[in-house]
PDB file of N, CA and C in Angstrom:
ATOM      1  N   MET A   1      50.924   6.377 -45.551  1.00  0.00           N
ATOM      2  CA  MET A   1      49.658   6.055 -45.037  1.00  0.00           C
ATOM      3  C   MET A   1      48.861   7.322 -44.574  1.00  0.00           C
ATOM      4  N   THR A   2      47.679   7.487 -45.282  1.00  0.00           N
ATOM      5  CA  THR A   2      46.983   8.641 -44.956  1.00  0.00           C
ATOM      6  C   THR A   2      45.756   8.283 -43.997  1.00  0.00           C
ATOM      7  N   ASP A   3      45.278   9.188 -43.056  1.00  0.00           N
ATOM      8  CA  ASP A   3      44.315   8.944 -42.274  1.00  0.00           C
ATOM      9  C   ASP A   3      42.949   9.291 -42.944  1.00  0.00           C
ATOM     10  N   ASP A   4      41.884   8.386 -42.884  1.00  0.00           N
ATOM     11  CA  ASP A   4      40.737   8.724 -43.556  1.00  0.00           C
ATOM     12  C   ASP A   4      39.882   9.787 -42.884  1.00  0.00           C
ATOM     13  N   ASN A   5      40.188  10.204 -41.723  1.00  0.00           N
ATOM     14  CA  ASN A   5      39.631  11.438 -40.970  1.00  0.00           C
ATOM     15  C   ASN A   5      40.013  12.791 -41.773  1.00  0.00           C
ATOM     16  N   ASP A   6      41.321  12.835 -42.286  1.00  0.00           N
ATOM     17  CA  ASP A   6      41.722  13.909 -42.901  1.00  0.00           C
ATOM     18  C   ASP A   6      40.983  14.170 -44.277  1.00  0.00           C
ATOM     19  N   ALA A   7      40.369  13.253 -44.810  1.00  0.00           N
ATOM     20  CA  ALA A   7      39.709  13.352 -46.147  1.00  0.00           C
ATOM     21  C   ALA A   7      38.279  14.038 -45.856  1.00  0.00           C
ATOM     22  N   ILE A   8      37.742  13.823 -44.735  1.00  0.00           N
ATOM     23  CA  ILE A   8      36.544  14.417 -44.470  1.00  0.00           C
ATOM     24  C   ILE A   8      36.334  15.576 -43.487  1.00  0.00           C
ATOM     25  N   GLN A   9      37.644  16.294 -43.436  1.00  0.00           N
ATOM     26  CA  GLN A   9      37.590  17.477 -42.608  1.00  0.00           C
ATOM     27  C   GLN A   9      36.779  18.529 -43.196  1.00  0.00           C
ATOM     28  N   PRO A  10      36.014  19.297 -42.376  1.00  0.00           N
ATOM     29  CA  PRO A  10      35.298  20.253 -43.004  1.00  0.00           C
ATOM     30  C   PRO A  10      36.192  21.488 -43.564  1.00  0.00           C
ATOM     31  N   ALA A  11      35.732  22.112 -44.649  1.00  0.00           N
ATOM     32  CA  ALA A  11      36.600  23.146 -45.220  1.00  0.00           C
ATOM     33  C   ALA A  11      36.314  24.462 -44.354  1.00  0.00           C
ATOM     34  N   SER A  12      37.346  25.366 -44.471  1.00  0.00           N
ATOM     35  CA  SER A  12      37.110  26.753 -43.705  1.00  0.00           C
ATOM     36  C   SER A  12      35.979  27.433 -44.283  1.00  0.00           C
ATOM     37  N   ASP A  13      35.545  28.474 -43.569  1.00  0.00           N
ATOM     38  CA  ASP A  13      34.438  29.274 -43.916  1.00  0.00           C
ATOM     39  C   ASP A  13      34.721  29.934 -45.140  1.00  0.00           C
ATOM     40  N   ASP A  14      35.970  30.540 -45.363  1.00  0.00           N
ATOM     41  CA  ASP A  14      36.369  31.076 -46.568  1.00  0.00           C
ATOM     42  C   ASP A  14      36.155  30.171 -47.975  1.00  0.00           C
ATOM     43  N   GLN A  15      36.402  28.869 -47.712  1.00  0.00           N
ATOM     44  CA  GLN A  15      36.211  27.899 -48.672  1.00  0.00           C
ATOM     45  C   GLN A  15      34.729  27.749 -49.112  1.00  0.00           C
ATOM     46  N   PHE A  16      33.943  27.663 -48.104  1.00  0.00           N
ATOM     47  CA  PHE A  16      32.577  27.576 -48.236  1.00  0.00           C
ATOM     48  C   PHE A  16      32.190  28.837 -49.154  1.00  0.00           C
ATOM     49  N   GLN A  17      32.518  29.898 -48.631  1.00  0.00           N
ATOM     50  CA  GLN A  17      31.946  31.198 -49.328  1.00  0.00           C
ATOM     51  C   GLN A  17      32.536  31.316 -50.694  1.00  0.00           C
ATOM     52  N   GLU A  18      33.828  30.897 -50.908  1.00  0.00           N
ATOM     53  CA  GLU A  18      34.384  30.884 -52.262  1.00  0.00           C
ATOM     54  C   GLU A  18      33.607  30.028 -53.204  1.00  0.00           C
ATOM     55  N   ARG A  19      33.285  28.855 -52.660  1.00  0.00           N
ATOM     56  CA  ARG A  19      32.371  27.920 -53.511  1.00  0.00           C
ATOM     57  C   ARG A  19      30.992  28.435 -53.833  1.00  0.00           C
ATOM     58  N   ILE A  20      30.300  29.138 -52.851  1.00  0.00           N
ATOM     59  CA  ILE A  20      29.075  29.888 -53.015  1.00  0.00           C
ATOM     60  C   ILE A  20      29.207  30.942 -53.928  1.00  0.00           C
ATOM     61  N   LEU A  21      30.291  31.634 -53.788  1.00  0.00           N
ATOM     62  CA  LEU A  21      30.485  32.789 -54.935  1.00  0.00           C
ATOM     63  C   LEU A  21      30.543  32.326 -56.278  1.00  0.00           C
ATOM     64  N   SER A  22      31.342  31.383 -56.665  1.00  0.00           N
ATOM     65  CA  SER A  22      31.550  30.876 -57.909  1.00  0.00           C
ATOM     66  C   SER A  22      30.285  30.094 -58.312  1.00  0.00           C
ATOM     67  N   THR A  23      29.767  29.312 -57.541  1.00  0.00           N
ATOM     68  CA  THR A  23      28.594  28.652 -57.992  1.00  0.00           C
ATOM     69  C   THR A  23      27.386  29.561 -58.151  1.00  0.00           C
ATOM     70  N   SER A  24      27.253  30.433 -57.366  1.00  0.00           N
ATOM     71  CA  SER A  24      26.174  31.389 -57.545  1.00  0.00           C
ATOM     72  C   SER A  24      26.344  32.276 -58.955  1.00  0.00           C
ATOM     73  N   GLY A  25      27.547  32.503 -59.245  1.00  0.00           N
ATOM     74  CA  GLY A  25      27.755  33.269 -60.558  1.00  0.00           C
ATOM     75  C   GLY A  25      27.345  32.205 -61.668  1.00  0.00           C
ATOM     76  N   GLY A  26      27.707  31.015 -61.538  1.00  0.00           N
ATOM     77  CA  GLY A  26      27.297  30.071 -62.690  1.00  0.00           C
ATOM     78  C   GLY A  26      25.763  29.788 -62.642  1.00  0.00           C
ATOM     79  N   MET A  27      25.155  29.942 -61.406  1.00  0.00           N
ATOM     80  CA  MET A  27      23.619  29.726 -61.566  1.00  0.00           C
ATOM     81  C   MET A  27      22.985  30.945 -62.099  1.00  0.00           C
ATOM     82  N   VAL A  28      23.565  32.096 -62.048  1.00  0.00           N
ATOM     83  CA  VAL A  28      23.066  33.253 -62.776  1.00  0.00           C
ATOM     84  C   VAL A  28      23.037  32.907 -64.280  1.00  0.00           C
ATOM     85  N   GLY A  29      24.173  32.298 -64.696  1.00  0.00           N
ATOM     86  CA  GLY A  29      24.257  32.068 -66.025  1.00  0.00           C
ATOM     87  C   GLY A  29      23.183  31.004 -66.491  1.00  0.00           C
ATOM     88  N   VAL A  30      23.010  29.975 -65.579  1.00  0.00           N
ATOM     89  CA  VAL A  30      21.952  28.935 -66.110  1.00  0.00           C
ATOM     90  C   VAL A  30      20.624  29.663 -66.028  1.00  0.00           C
ATOM     91  N   CYS A  31      20.257  30.656 -65.147  1.00  0.00           N
ATOM     92  CA  CYS A  31      18.994  31.295 -65.186  1.00  0.00           C
ATOM     93  C   CYS A  31      18.965  32.085 -66.580  1.00  0.00           C
ATOM     94  N   ALA A  32      20.004  32.767 -66.840  1.00  0.00           N
ATOM     95  CA  ALA A  32      19.943  33.523 -68.105  1.00  0.00           C
ATOM     96  C   ALA A  32      19.747  32.642 -69.378  1.00  0.00           C
ATOM     97  N   THR A  33      20.352  31.503 -69.295  1.00  0.00           N
ATOM     98  CA  THR A  33      20.220  30.471 -70.419  1.00  0.00           C
ATOM     99  C   THR A  33      18.767  29.935 -70.435  1.00  0.00           C
ATOM    100  N   LEU A  34      18.188  29.756 -69.353  1.00  0.00           N
ATOM    101  CA  LEU A  34      16.829  29.463 -69.188  1.00  0.00           C
ATOM    102  C   LEU A  34      15.789  30.357 -69.861  1.00  0.00           C
ATOM    103  N   ILE A  35      16.179  31.669 -69.516  1.00  0.00           N
ATOM    104  CA  ILE A  35      15.427  32.758 -70.083  1.00  0.00           C
ATOM    105  C   ILE A  35      15.403  32.759 -71.531  1.00  0.00           C
ATOM    106  N   GLY A  36      16.667  32.562 -72.082  1.00  0.00           N
ATOM    107  CA  GLY A  36      16.840  32.634 -73.570  1.00  0.00           C
ATOM    108  C   GLY A  36      16.058  31.478 -74.276  1.00  0.00           C
ATOM    109  N   LEU A  37      16.117  30.224 -73.678  1.00  0.00           N
ATOM    110  CA  LEU A  37      15.573  29.100 -74.046  1.00  0.00           C
ATOM    111  C   LEU A  37      13.986  29.280 -74.133  1.00  0.00           C
ATOM    112  N   VAL A  38      13.374  29.789 -73.050  1.00  0.00           N
ATOM    113  CA  VAL A  38      12.067  30.068 -73.027  1.00  0.00           C
ATOM    114  C   VAL A  38      11.592  30.969 -73.898  1.00  0.00           C
ATOM    115  N   LYS A  39      12.342  32.091 -74.193  1.00  0.00           N
ATOM    116  CA  LYS A  39      11.998  33.016 -75.393  1.00  0.00           C
ATOM    117  C   LYS A  39      11.960  32.465 -76.719  1.00  0.00           C
ATOM    118  N   VAL A  40      12.808  31.489 -76.939  1.00  0.00           N
ATOM    119  CA  VAL A  40      12.708  30.880 -78.210  1.00  0.00           C
ATOM    120  C   VAL A  40      11.533  29.820 -78.371  1.00  0.00           C
ATOM    121  N   VAL A  41      11.230  29.192 -77.171  1.00  0.00           N
ATOM    122  CA  VAL A  41      10.135  28.269 -77.353  1.00  0.00           C
ATOM    123  C   VAL A  41       8.700  28.964 -77.340  1.00  0.00           C
ATOM    124  N   GLU A  42       8.814  30.114 -76.616  1.00  0.00           N
ATOM    125  CA  GLU A  42       7.400  30.927 -76.657  1.00  0.00           C
ATOM    126  C   GLU A  42       6.967  31.334 -77.855  1.00  0.00           C
ATOM    127  N   THR A  43       7.768  31.328 -78.919  1.00  0.00           N
ATOM    128  CA  THR A  43       7.285  31.604 -80.262  1.00  0.00           C
ATOM    129  C   THR A  43       6.367  30.517 -80.917  1.00  0.00           C
ATOM    130  N   THR A  44       6.575  29.350 -80.441  1.00  0.00           N
ATOM    131  CA  THR A  44       5.762  28.250 -80.919  1.00  0.00           C
ATOM    132  C   THR A  44       4.828  27.693 -79.940  1.00  0.00           C
ATOM    133  N   ARG A  45       4.785  28.083 -78.723  1.00  0.00           N
ATOM    134  CA  ARG A  45       3.896  27.696 -77.692  1.00  0.00           C
ATOM    135  C   ARG A  45       3.226  29.022 -76.947  1.00  0.00           C
ATOM    136  N   ALA A  46       2.251  28.635 -76.131  1.00  0.00           N
ATOM    137  CA  ALA A  46       1.591  29.673 -75.310  1.00  0.00           C
ATOM    138  C   ALA A  46       2.616  30.411 -74.389  1.00  0.00           C
ATOM    139  N   LEU A  47       2.374  31.621 -74.068  1.00  0.00           N
ATOM    140  CA  LEU A  47       3.197  32.416 -73.195  1.00  0.00           C
ATOM    141  C   LEU A  47       3.190  31.783 -71.810  1.00  0.00           C
ATOM    142  N   SER A  48       4.327  31.886 -71.176  1.00  0.00           N
ATOM    143  CA  SER A  48       4.472  31.318 -69.850  1.00  0.00           C
ATOM    144  C   SER A  48       5.152  32.504 -69.004  1.00  0.00           C
ATOM    145  N   HIS A  49       5.263  32.258 -67.748  1.00  0.00           N
ATOM    146  CA  HIS A  49       5.875  33.163 -66.880  1.00  0.00           C
ATOM    147  C   HIS A  49       7.216  32.707 -66.411  1.00  0.00           C
ATOM    148  N   VAL A  50       7.849  31.572 -67.098  1.00  0.00           N
ATOM    149  CA  VAL A  50       9.026  30.951 -66.540  1.00  0.00           C
ATOM    150  C   VAL A  50      10.228  32.123 -66.597  1.00  0.00           C
ATOM    151  N   ASP A  51      10.247  32.721 -67.721  1.00  0.00           N
ATOM    152  CA  ASP A  51      11.313  33.669 -67.867  1.00  0.00           C
ATOM    153  C   ASP A  51      11.362  34.682 -66.842  1.00  0.00           C
ATOM    154  N   GLN A  52      10.165  35.138 -66.372  1.00  0.00           N
ATOM    155  CA  GLN A  52      10.133  36.101 -65.248  1.00  0.00           C
ATOM    156  C   GLN A  52      10.520  35.546 -63.937  1.00  0.00           C
ATOM    157  N   TYR A  53      10.140  34.397 -63.656  1.00  0.00           N
ATOM    158  CA  TYR A  53      10.676  33.652 -62.480  1.00  0.00           C
ATOM    159  C   TYR A  53      12.113  33.336 -62.485  1.00  0.00           C
ATOM    160  N   ALA A  54      12.665  32.942 -63.685  1.00  0.00           N
ATOM    161  CA  ALA A  54      14.050  32.680 -63.857  1.00  0.00           C
ATOM    162  C   ALA A  54      14.810  33.983 -63.575  1.00  0.00           C
ATOM    163  N   GLY A  55      14.280  35.146 -64.037  1.00  0.00           N
ATOM    164  CA  GLY A  55      14.876  36.342 -63.922  1.00  0.00           C
ATOM    165  C   GLY A  55      15.098  36.884 -62.452  1.00  0.00           C
ATOM    166  N   CYS A  56      14.004  36.725 -61.709  1.00  0.00           N
ATOM    167  CA  CYS A  56      14.002  36.763 -60.290  1.00  0.00           C
ATOM    168  C   CYS A  56      14.921  35.925 -59.505  1.00  0.00           C
ATOM    169  N   ASN A  57      14.818  34.748 -59.961  1.00  0.00           N
ATOM    170  CA  ASN A  57      15.881  33.777 -59.384  1.00  0.00           C
ATOM    171  C   ASN A  57      17.350  34.220 -59.621  1.00  0.00           C
ATOM    172  N   ALA A  58      17.680  34.580 -60.821  1.00  0.00           N
ATOM    173  CA  ALA A  58      18.982  35.121 -61.055  1.00  0.00           C
ATOM    174  C   ALA A  58      19.355  36.135 -60.219  1.00  0.00           C
ATOM    175  N   VAL A  59      18.371  37.107 -59.885  1.00  0.00           N
ATOM    176  CA  VAL A  59      18.796  38.164 -59.042  1.00  0.00           C
ATOM    177  C   VAL A  59      19.098  37.639 -57.666  1.00  0.00           C
ATOM    178  N   LEU A  60      18.364  36.604 -57.287  1.00  0.00           N
ATOM    179  CA  LEU A  60      18.594  35.905 -55.955  1.00  0.00           C
ATOM    180  C   LEU A  60      19.981  35.504 -55.927  1.00  0.00           C
ATOM    181  N   PHE A  61      20.240  34.788 -56.856  1.00  0.00           N
ATOM    182  CA  PHE A  61      21.692  34.109 -56.972  1.00  0.00           C
ATOM    183  C   PHE A  61      22.739  35.288 -56.989  1.00  0.00           C
ATOM    184  N   ALA A  62      22.510  36.378 -57.680  1.00  0.00           N
ATOM    185  CA  ALA A  62      23.485  37.483 -57.651  1.00  0.00           C
ATOM    186  C   ALA A  62      23.566  38.120 -56.299  1.00  0.00           C
ATOM    187  N   PHE A  63      22.531  38.100 -55.369  1.00  0.00           N
ATOM    188  CA  PHE A  63      22.645  38.578 -54.133  1.00  0.00           C
ATOM    189  C   PHE A  63      23.428  37.609 -53.226  1.00  0.00           C
ATOM    190  N   SER A  64      23.223  36.346 -53.490  1.00  0.00           N
ATOM    191  CA  SER A  64      23.950  35.480 -52.846  1.00  0.00           C
ATOM    192  C   SER A  64      25.579  35.571 -53.044  1.00  0.00           C
ATOM    193  N   ALA A  65      25.787  35.662 -54.213  1.00  0.00           N
ATOM    194  CA  ALA A  65      27.121  35.913 -54.669  1.00  0.00           C
ATOM    195  C   ALA A  65      27.819  37.131 -53.911  1.00  0.00           C
ATOM    196  N   LEU A  66      26.899  38.235 -53.963  1.00  0.00           N
ATOM    197  CA  LEU A  66      27.353  39.529 -53.322  1.00  0.00           C
ATOM    198  C   LEU A  66      27.668  39.269 -51.909  1.00  0.00           C
ATOM    199  N   PHE A  67      26.671  38.659 -51.103  1.00  0.00           N
ATOM    200  CA  PHE A  67      26.925  38.447 -49.738  1.00  0.00           C
ATOM    201  C   PHE A  67      28.141  37.441 -49.338  1.00  0.00           C
ATOM    202  N   ALA A  68      28.322  36.512 -50.270  1.00  0.00           N
ATOM    203  CA  ALA A  68      29.483  35.495 -50.125  1.00  0.00           C
ATOM    204  C   ALA A  68      30.822  36.418 -50.238  1.00  0.00           C
ATOM    205  N   TYR A  69      30.816  37.248 -51.321  1.00  0.00           N
ATOM    206  CA  TYR A  69      31.955  38.106 -51.540  1.00  0.00           C
ATOM    207  C   TYR A  69      32.270  39.000 -50.291  1.00  0.00           C
ATOM    208  N   LEU A  70      31.152  39.673 -49.747  1.00  0.00           N
ATOM    209  CA  LEU A  70      31.282  40.456 -48.627  1.00  0.00           C
ATOM    210  C   LEU A  70      31.867  39.704 -47.331  1.00  0.00           C
ATOM    211  N   ALA A  71      31.459  38.347 -47.187  1.00  0.00           N
ATOM    212  CA  ALA A  71      31.817  37.505 -46.121  1.00  0.00           C
ATOM    213  C   ALA A  71      33.228  37.362 -46.321  1.00  0.00           C
ATOM    214  N   ILE A  72      33.879  37.222 -47.475  1.00  0.00           N
ATOM    215  CA  ILE A  72      35.194  36.935 -47.744  1.00  0.00           C
ATOM    216  C   ILE A  72      36.120  37.988 -47.501  1.00  0.00           C
ATOM    217  N   ARG A  73      35.566  39.204 -47.728  1.00  0.00           N
ATOM    218  CA  ARG A  73      36.324  40.380 -47.694  1.00  0.00           C
ATOM    219  C   ARG A  73      36.208  41.049 -46.343  1.00  0.00           C
ATOM    220  N   THR A  74      35.278  40.684 -45.363  1.00  0.00           N
ATOM    221  CA  THR A  74      35.317  41.217 -44.147  1.00  0.00           C
ATOM    222  C   THR A  74      36.116  40.582 -43.157  1.00  0.00           C
ATOM    223  N   PRO A  75      36.767  41.337 -42.214  1.00  0.00           N
ATOM    224  CA  PRO A  75      37.842  40.837 -41.301  1.00  0.00           C
ATOM    225  C   PRO A  75      37.354  39.647 -40.632  1.00  0.00           C
ATOM    226  N   ARG A  76      38.052  38.623 -40.219  1.00  0.00           N
ATOM    227  CA  ARG A  76      37.657  37.398 -39.633  1.00  0.00           C
ATOM    228  C   ARG A  76      37.063  37.611 -38.282  1.00  0.00           C
ATOM    229  N   LEU A  77      37.354  38.516 -37.585  1.00  0.00           N
ATOM    230  CA  LEU A  77      36.689  38.718 -36.136  1.00  0.00           C
ATOM    231  C   LEU A  77      35.557  39.509 -36.066  1.00  0.00           C
ATOM    232  N   SER A  78      34.994  40.001 -37.257  1.00  0.00           N
ATOM    233  CA  SER A  78      33.787  40.927 -37.307  1.00  0.00           C
ATOM    234  C   SER A  78      32.620  40.052 -37.242  1.00  0.00           C
ATOM    235  N   ARG A  79      31.550  40.530 -36.528  1.00  0.00           N
ATOM    236  CA  ARG A  79      30.264  39.973 -36.310  1.00  0.00           C
ATOM    237  C   ARG A  79      29.537  39.918 -37.698  1.00  0.00           C
ATOM    238  N   SER A  80      29.781  40.985 -38.422  1.00  0.00           N
ATOM    239  CA  SER A  80      29.089  40.982 -39.813  1.00  0.00           C
ATOM    240  C   SER A  80      29.611  39.849 -40.704  1.00  0.00           C
ATOM    241  N   ARG A  81      30.681  39.496 -40.466  1.00  0.00           N
ATOM    242  CA  ARG A  81      31.257  38.394 -41.377  1.00  0.00           C
ATOM    243  C   ARG A  81      30.252  37.185 -41.350  1.00  0.00           C
ATOM    244  N   ARG A  82      29.951  36.784 -40.040  1.00  0.00           N
ATOM    245  CA  ARG A  82      29.191  35.649 -39.830  1.00  0.00           C
ATOM    246  C   ARG A  82      27.706  35.946 -40.342  1.00  0.00           C
ATOM    247  N   LEU A  83      27.308  36.995 -40.306  1.00  0.00           N
ATOM    248  CA  LEU A  83      25.856  37.565 -40.775  1.00  0.00           C
ATOM    249  C   LEU A  83      25.941  37.256 -42.450  1.00  0.00           C
ATOM    250  N   PHE A  84      27.052  37.976 -43.074  1.00  0.00           N
ATOM    251  CA  PHE A  84      27.005  37.854 -44.665  1.00  0.00           C
ATOM    252  C   PHE A  84      27.174  36.309 -44.988  1.00  0.00           C
ATOM    253  N   ALA A  85      27.827  35.518 -44.265  1.00  0.00           N
ATOM    254  CA  ALA A  85      28.059  34.037 -44.676  1.00  0.00           C
ATOM    255  C   ALA A  85      26.703  33.355 -44.503  1.00  0.00           C
ATOM    256  N   THR A  86      25.926  33.821 -43.366  1.00  0.00           N
ATOM    257  CA  THR A  86      24.649  33.034 -43.146  1.00  0.00           C
ATOM    258  C   THR A  86      23.624  33.623 -44.270  1.00  0.00           C
ATOM    259  N   VAL A  87      23.638  34.781 -44.577  1.00  0.00           N
ATOM    260  CA  VAL A  87      22.603  35.346 -45.594  1.00  0.00           C
ATOM    261  C   VAL A  87      23.060  34.700 -46.987  1.00  0.00           C
ATOM    262  N   ALA A  88      24.389  34.505 -47.370  1.00  0.00           N
ATOM    263  CA  ALA A  88      24.760  34.100 -48.660  1.00  0.00           C
ATOM    264  C   ALA A  88      24.239  32.610 -48.779  1.00  0.00           C
ATOM    265  N   ASP A  89      24.487  31.702 -47.675  1.00  0.00           N
ATOM    266  CA  ASP A  89      24.003  30.408 -47.582  1.00  0.00           C
ATOM    267  C   ASP A  89      22.538  30.255 -47.857  1.00  0.00           C
ATOM    268  N   LEU A  90      21.860  30.942 -47.040  1.00  0.00           N
ATOM    269  CA  LEU A  90      20.316  30.916 -47.200  1.00  0.00           C
ATOM    270  C   LEU A  90      19.884  31.352 -48.608  1.00  0.00           C
ATOM    271  N   LEU A  91      20.421  32.404 -49.099  1.00  0.00           N
ATOM    272  CA  LEU A  91      19.801  32.791 -50.346  1.00  0.00           C
ATOM    273  C   LEU A  91      20.213  31.816 -51.420  1.00  0.00           C
ATOM    274  N   PHE A  92      21.409  31.185 -51.415  1.00  0.00           N
ATOM    275  CA  PHE A  92      21.845  30.168 -52.343  1.00  0.00           C
ATOM    276  C   PHE A  92      20.889  29.036 -52.195  1.00  0.00           C
ATOM    277  N   VAL A  93      20.608  28.635 -50.926  1.00  0.00           N
ATOM    278  CA  VAL A  93      19.671  27.223 -50.938  1.00  0.00           C
ATOM    279  C   VAL A  93      18.245  27.647 -51.362  1.00  0.00           C
ATOM    280  N   ILE A  94      17.722  28.818 -50.983  1.00  0.00           N
ATOM    281  CA  ILE A  94      16.432  29.184 -51.331  1.00  0.00           C
ATOM    282  C   ILE A  94      16.308  29.282 -53.010  1.00  0.00           C
ATOM    283  N   GLY A  95      17.467  29.828 -53.607  1.00  0.00           N
ATOM    284  CA  GLY A  95      17.477  29.950 -55.005  1.00  0.00           C
ATOM    285  C   GLY A  95      17.504  28.579 -55.752  1.00  0.00           C
ATOM    286  N   LEU A  96      18.222  27.664 -55.114  1.00  0.00           N
ATOM    287  CA  LEU A  96      18.265  26.284 -55.670  1.00  0.00           C
ATOM    288  C   LEU A  96      16.961  25.561 -55.574  1.00  0.00           C
ATOM    289  N   VAL A  97      16.185  25.807 -54.419  1.00  0.00           N
ATOM    290  CA  VAL A  97      14.901  25.166 -54.352  1.00  0.00           C
ATOM    291  C   VAL A  97      13.872  25.881 -55.312  1.00  0.00           C
ATOM    292  N   ILE A  98      13.996  27.180 -55.458  1.00  0.00           N
ATOM    293  CA  ILE A  98      13.191  27.821 -56.444  1.00  0.00           C
ATOM    294  C   ILE A  98      13.391  27.290 -57.857  1.00  0.00           C
ATOM    295  N   LEU A  99      14.768  27.330 -58.019  1.00  0.00           N
ATOM    296  CA  LEU A  99      15.031  26.845 -59.591  1.00  0.00           C
ATOM    297  C   LEU A  99      14.442  25.452 -59.844  1.00  0.00           C
ATOM    298  N   ALA A 100      14.733  24.611 -58.875  1.00  0.00           N
ATOM    299  CA  ALA A 100      14.203  23.209 -58.963  1.00  0.00           C
ATOM    300  C   ALA A 100      12.602  23.191 -59.194  1.00  0.00           C
ATOM    301  N   GLY A 101      11.953  23.974 -58.362  1.00  0.00           N
ATOM    302  CA  GLY A 101      10.609  24.330 -58.557  1.00  0.00           C
ATOM    303  C   GLY A 101      10.100  24.837 -59.925  1.00  0.00           C
ATOM    304  N   ILE A 102      10.924  25.866 -60.443  1.00  0.00           N
ATOM    305  CA  ILE A 102      10.514  26.382 -61.745  1.00  0.00           C
ATOM    306  C   ILE A 102      10.776  25.251 -62.830  1.00  0.00           C
ATOM    307  N   ALA A 103      11.623  24.397 -62.659  1.00  0.00           N
ATOM    308  CA  ALA A 103      12.052  23.369 -63.711  1.00  0.00           C
ATOM    309  C   ALA A 103      10.877  22.268 -63.550  1.00  0.00           C
ATOM    310  N   LEU A 104      10.499  21.893 -62.386  1.00  0.00           N
ATOM    311  CA  LEU A 104       9.528  21.071 -62.258  1.00  0.00           C
ATOM    312  C   LEU A 104       8.190  21.465 -62.829  1.00  0.00           C
ATOM    313  N   THR A 105       7.639  22.770 -62.462  1.00  0.00           N
ATOM    314  CA  THR A 105       6.486  23.063 -63.008  1.00  0.00           C
ATOM    315  C   THR A 105       6.490  23.499 -64.473  1.00  0.00           C
ATOM    316  N   PHE A 106       7.548  23.953 -65.039  1.00  0.00           N
ATOM    317  CA  PHE A 106       7.647  24.109 -66.358  1.00  0.00           C
ATOM    318  C   PHE A 106       7.692  22.745 -67.204  1.00  0.00           C
ATOM    319  N   ALA A 107       8.218  21.747 -66.467  1.00  0.00           N
ATOM    320  CA  ALA A 107       8.282  20.433 -67.250  1.00  0.00           C
ATOM    321  C   ALA A 107       7.064  19.890 -67.376  1.00  0.00           C
ATOM    322  N   TYR A 108       6.004  20.090 -66.405  1.00  0.00           N
ATOM    323  CA  TYR A 108       4.594  19.654 -66.399  1.00  0.00           C
ATOM    324  C   TYR A 108       3.571  20.759 -67.003  1.00  0.00           C
ATOM    325  N   ASP A 109       4.152  21.735 -67.551  1.00  0.00           N
ATOM    326  CA  ASP A 109       3.341  22.625 -68.205  1.00  0.00           C
ATOM    327  C   ASP A 109       2.401  23.304 -67.302  1.00  0.00           C
ATOM    328  N   LEU A 110       2.823  23.566 -66.048  1.00  0.00           N
ATOM    329  CA  LEU A 110       1.875  24.161 -64.923  1.00  0.00           C
ATOM    330  C   LEU A 110       2.082  25.631 -64.924  1.00  0.00           C
ATOM    331  N   ILE A 111       3.236  26.227 -65.472  1.00  0.00           N
ATOM    332  CA  ILE A 111       3.413  27.638 -65.673  1.00  0.00           C
ATOM    333  C   ILE A 111       3.735  27.922 -67.003  1.00  0.00           C
TER     334      ILE A 111
END
């Protein structure tokens, strides 16, 4: 018999940072794919700035991955470890919001 509380225990900080590291890397790939698709579509449609925004967003995700990596590699009792983790979290969430905004505005032909 298992306790239901064990299933909802929060993961350690290392697990969160590992997830941010791997997901940020994937999101860089998503942004790169978006850039490629936009370049193909732009040959038949008017020019847009979606590729430039997606490129900037890819850099944001890359920095998120970098700070998550630094948080994992920094000693546990270091104050900078918490700073790296916080910066990685913020950059990741900001990148997700921006990517959703890019998708929404591109879908409605606003950019």
